[in-house]
Protein backbone atom coordinates (compact mmCIF):
# COMPACT_ATOMS: atom_id res chain seq x y z
CA MET A 1 -2.40 -24.25 -63.41
CA THR A 2 -0.20 -21.80 -61.55
CA GLN A 3 -1.52 -18.58 -60.10
CA TYR A 4 0.48 -15.37 -60.60
CA VAL A 5 0.26 -11.75 -59.63
CA ALA A 6 1.31 -9.17 -62.20
CA PHE A 7 2.42 -5.86 -60.72
CA LEU A 8 2.37 -3.25 -63.49
CA ARG A 9 4.63 -0.21 -63.47
CA ALA A 10 3.15 3.26 -64.13
CA VAL A 11 -0.46 2.26 -64.71
CA ASN A 12 -3.13 4.69 -63.55
CA VAL A 13 -0.66 7.45 -62.76
CA GLY A 14 -0.77 10.72 -64.64
CA LYS A 15 -2.36 10.38 -68.07
CA ARG A 16 -1.91 6.61 -68.28
CA VAL A 17 -5.36 5.69 -67.05
CA VAL A 18 -6.64 2.19 -67.80
CA LYS A 19 -10.02 0.95 -66.61
CA MET A 20 -9.64 -2.26 -64.65
CA ASP A 21 -12.17 -4.20 -66.77
CA ALA A 22 -10.24 -3.20 -69.92
CA LEU A 23 -6.98 -4.28 -68.27
CA ALA A 24 -8.49 -7.67 -67.41
CA LYS A 25 -9.57 -8.12 -71.05
CA LEU A 26 -6.00 -7.44 -72.23
CA PHE A 27 -4.75 -10.25 -69.99
CA GLU A 28 -7.52 -12.57 -71.19
CA ALA A 29 -6.51 -11.80 -74.80
CA VAL A 30 -3.20 -13.63 -74.22
CA LYS A 31 -5.08 -16.72 -72.99
CA LEU A 32 -4.68 -16.21 -69.25
CA ALA A 33 -7.42 -17.67 -67.04
CA GLU A 34 -9.36 -16.42 -64.01
CA VAL A 35 -8.09 -12.86 -64.50
CA LYS A 36 -8.93 -10.41 -61.71
CA THR A 37 -7.73 -6.88 -61.04
CA HIS A 38 -7.09 -5.45 -57.58
CA ILE A 39 -6.95 -1.85 -56.44
CA GLN A 40 -6.65 0.74 -59.21
CA SER A 41 -2.83 0.68 -59.35
CA GLY A 42 -2.21 -2.13 -61.83
CA ASN A 43 -2.35 -5.38 -59.90
CA VAL A 44 -3.67 -8.39 -61.81
CA THR A 45 -4.03 -12.01 -60.68
CA PHE A 46 -4.42 -14.84 -63.16
CA LYS A 47 -3.78 -18.53 -63.73
CA THR A 48 -1.84 -20.15 -66.54
CA ARG A 49 -0.16 -23.39 -67.53
CA ALA A 50 2.88 -21.43 -68.77
CA THR A 51 6.05 -22.21 -66.84
CA ASN A 52 8.55 -19.94 -68.59
CA VAL A 53 8.12 -16.78 -66.49
CA PRO A 54 10.39 -14.48 -68.56
CA ALA A 55 8.53 -15.48 -71.76
CA LEU A 56 5.18 -14.97 -70.03
CA ARG A 57 6.26 -11.53 -68.87
CA ARG A 58 7.39 -10.54 -72.39
CA LYS A 59 4.09 -11.81 -73.84
CA ILE A 60 2.04 -9.69 -71.40
CA GLU A 61 4.24 -6.61 -71.94
CA LYS A 62 3.89 -6.95 -75.72
CA GLN A 63 0.09 -7.20 -75.47
CA LEU A 64 -0.07 -4.15 -73.20
CA ALA A 65 2.22 -2.05 -75.43
CA GLU A 66 0.30 -2.93 -78.59
CA SER A 67 -3.09 -2.25 -76.99
CA LEU A 68 -2.27 0.81 -74.87
CA GLY A 69 0.24 2.47 -77.18
CA TYR A 70 3.00 2.75 -74.57
CA GLU A 71 5.40 0.45 -72.77
CA VAL A 72 4.26 -1.06 -69.47
CA LYS A 73 6.78 -3.02 -67.42
CA VAL A 74 5.37 -6.09 -65.70
CA MET A 75 6.80 -7.77 -62.61
CA LEU A 76 5.45 -11.28 -61.99
CA ALA A 77 5.27 -13.18 -58.73
CA GLY A 78 3.86 -16.64 -58.22
CA ALA A 79 1.22 -17.04 -55.51
CA ALA A 80 3.61 -19.18 -53.44
CA GLU A 81 6.42 -16.62 -53.82
CA LEU A 82 4.14 -13.81 -52.68
CA ALA A 83 2.91 -15.84 -49.70
CA ALA A 84 6.51 -16.60 -48.67
CA LEU A 85 7.46 -12.92 -49.02
CA VAL A 86 4.63 -11.84 -46.70
CA LYS A 87 5.33 -14.64 -44.22
CA ARG A 88 9.03 -13.70 -44.09
CA ASN A 89 8.06 -10.06 -43.32
CA PRO A 90 11.37 -8.19 -43.24
CA PHE A 91 9.52 -5.30 -41.57
CA LYS A 92 8.68 -7.15 -38.33
CA ARG A 93 11.40 -5.30 -36.39
CA ILE A 94 10.31 -1.86 -37.61
CA ASP A 95 8.32 0.20 -35.14
CA GLY A 96 5.45 1.54 -37.22
CA ASP A 97 3.72 4.80 -36.49
CA ALA A 98 2.16 7.66 -38.45
CA ASN A 99 5.64 8.81 -39.52
CA VAL A 100 6.66 5.51 -41.10
CA MET A 101 5.45 3.91 -44.34
CA LEU A 102 6.57 0.48 -45.58
CA PHE A 103 7.03 -0.38 -49.25
CA VAL A 104 7.95 -3.36 -51.40
CA SER A 105 9.55 -2.70 -54.77
CA PHE A 106 9.10 -5.68 -57.08
CA LEU A 107 12.08 -6.08 -59.40
CA ALA A 108 12.08 -7.24 -63.01
CA SER A 109 15.17 -9.36 -62.29
CA GLU A 110 17.72 -9.94 -59.58
CA PRO A 111 20.03 -6.91 -59.33
CA THR A 112 23.56 -7.42 -60.60
CA ASN A 113 24.93 -4.65 -58.39
CA LEU A 114 23.72 -4.66 -54.81
CA PRO A 115 24.90 -1.90 -52.47
CA ARG A 116 25.72 -2.86 -48.90
CA LEU A 117 22.54 -3.12 -46.83
CA PRO A 118 20.93 -1.16 -45.44
CA PHE A 119 21.35 1.68 -47.91
CA ARG A 120 19.73 5.06 -47.71
CA SER A 121 18.37 8.01 -49.65
CA ASP A 122 18.76 11.08 -47.46
CA ALA A 123 16.89 13.25 -49.99
CA GLU A 124 13.83 10.97 -49.91
CA ASN A 125 14.27 9.80 -46.29
CA LEU A 126 14.24 6.13 -47.33
CA ASP A 127 16.06 3.09 -45.97
CA VAL A 128 16.34 -0.09 -48.02
CA ILE A 129 16.55 -2.81 -45.39
CA ALA A 130 16.54 -5.95 -47.55
CA VAL A 131 16.75 -7.07 -51.16
CA ARG A 132 15.74 -10.65 -51.79
CA ASP A 133 13.86 -12.80 -54.28
CA LYS A 134 13.38 -9.95 -56.78
CA ALA A 135 11.99 -7.58 -54.14
CA ALA A 136 13.42 -4.60 -52.24
CA PHE A 137 11.97 -3.73 -48.84
CA VAL A 138 11.93 -0.03 -48.04
CA VAL A 139 11.16 1.99 -44.92
CA ALA A 140 10.04 5.54 -45.71
CA ARG A 141 9.95 8.22 -43.06
CA ARG A 142 8.23 11.59 -43.31
CA LYS A 143 10.27 14.35 -44.87
CA LYS A 144 10.42 17.81 -43.28
CA LYS A 145 7.49 19.02 -45.39
CA GLY A 146 5.33 16.14 -44.15
CA TRP A 147 5.28 13.95 -47.26
CA PHE A 148 6.76 10.49 -47.64
CA GLY A 149 9.35 9.79 -50.31
CA PHE A 150 8.39 7.24 -52.93
CA PRO A 151 11.19 4.72 -53.50
CA ASN A 152 10.65 3.46 -57.06
CA LEU A 153 13.08 5.68 -59.00
CA PHE A 154 15.69 5.42 -56.22
CA ILE A 155 15.45 1.62 -56.27
CA GLU A 156 15.75 1.46 -60.07
CA LYS A 157 18.78 3.74 -60.06
CA GLN A 158 20.58 1.99 -57.19
CA LEU A 159 19.87 -1.57 -58.32
CA GLY A 160 19.94 -1.04 -62.09
CA VAL A 161 16.69 -2.93 -62.76
CA ASP A 162 13.10 -2.00 -63.58
CA ALA A 163 10.83 -1.98 -60.55
CA THR A 164 7.31 -1.18 -59.42
CA THR A 165 6.46 -0.32 -55.85
CA ARG A 166 3.51 -1.13 -53.62
CA ASN A 167 2.63 -0.26 -50.05
CA TRP A 168 3.20 -3.20 -47.68
CA THR A 169 -0.48 -3.16 -46.68
CA THR A 170 -1.49 -3.56 -50.34
CA VAL A 171 0.97 -6.44 -50.80
CA LYS A 172 -0.48 -8.25 -47.77
CA LYS A 173 -4.06 -7.76 -49.05
CA ILE A 174 -3.18 -9.13 -52.51
CA ALA A 175 -1.32 -12.09 -50.97
CA ALA A 176 -4.33 -12.89 -48.76
CA PHE A 177 -6.66 -12.72 -51.77
CA VAL A 178 -4.39 -14.98 -53.85
CA ASN A 179 -4.11 -17.42 -50.96
CA ARG A 180 -7.91 -17.69 -50.77
CA GLU A 181 -8.14 -18.22 -54.55
CA SER A 182 -5.43 -20.91 -54.89
């Protein structure tokens, strides 16, 4: 069996609140094994014998839409893919401090139109430093009012694909958990 991580877009933001035990049951309903949720932002690990990732993604999205009453985009990463992504660490040359936040935007598919890297959002104070293996790596710096920009909508617009974004720290924690479980 292969272990996957499902990163769900727009779960537990605004009025779209889903209890994690209910979310796990929705994944179990489509015959996925060893389902576990992580952090309240829509991260689910599971194992399956399925090898057709696009079909698996569609199956999960259909189950979620039918059960929740709204569309939820799902980005899937295999445990090995996630481990390689963390090991590669495109952020290793970034000097981190309290004014810098690192994000990974998981993409539904490889972008067909990739701007020259790095590319920037001046309005959100974001720099996209790498796009690789269905993931965009973003450095966010504080804006004048003190808040960080959130890259998800910018990434979707620039790359023309659905995405969901996680903090780099969260990605590393999930990868470590999956590595222990495999």
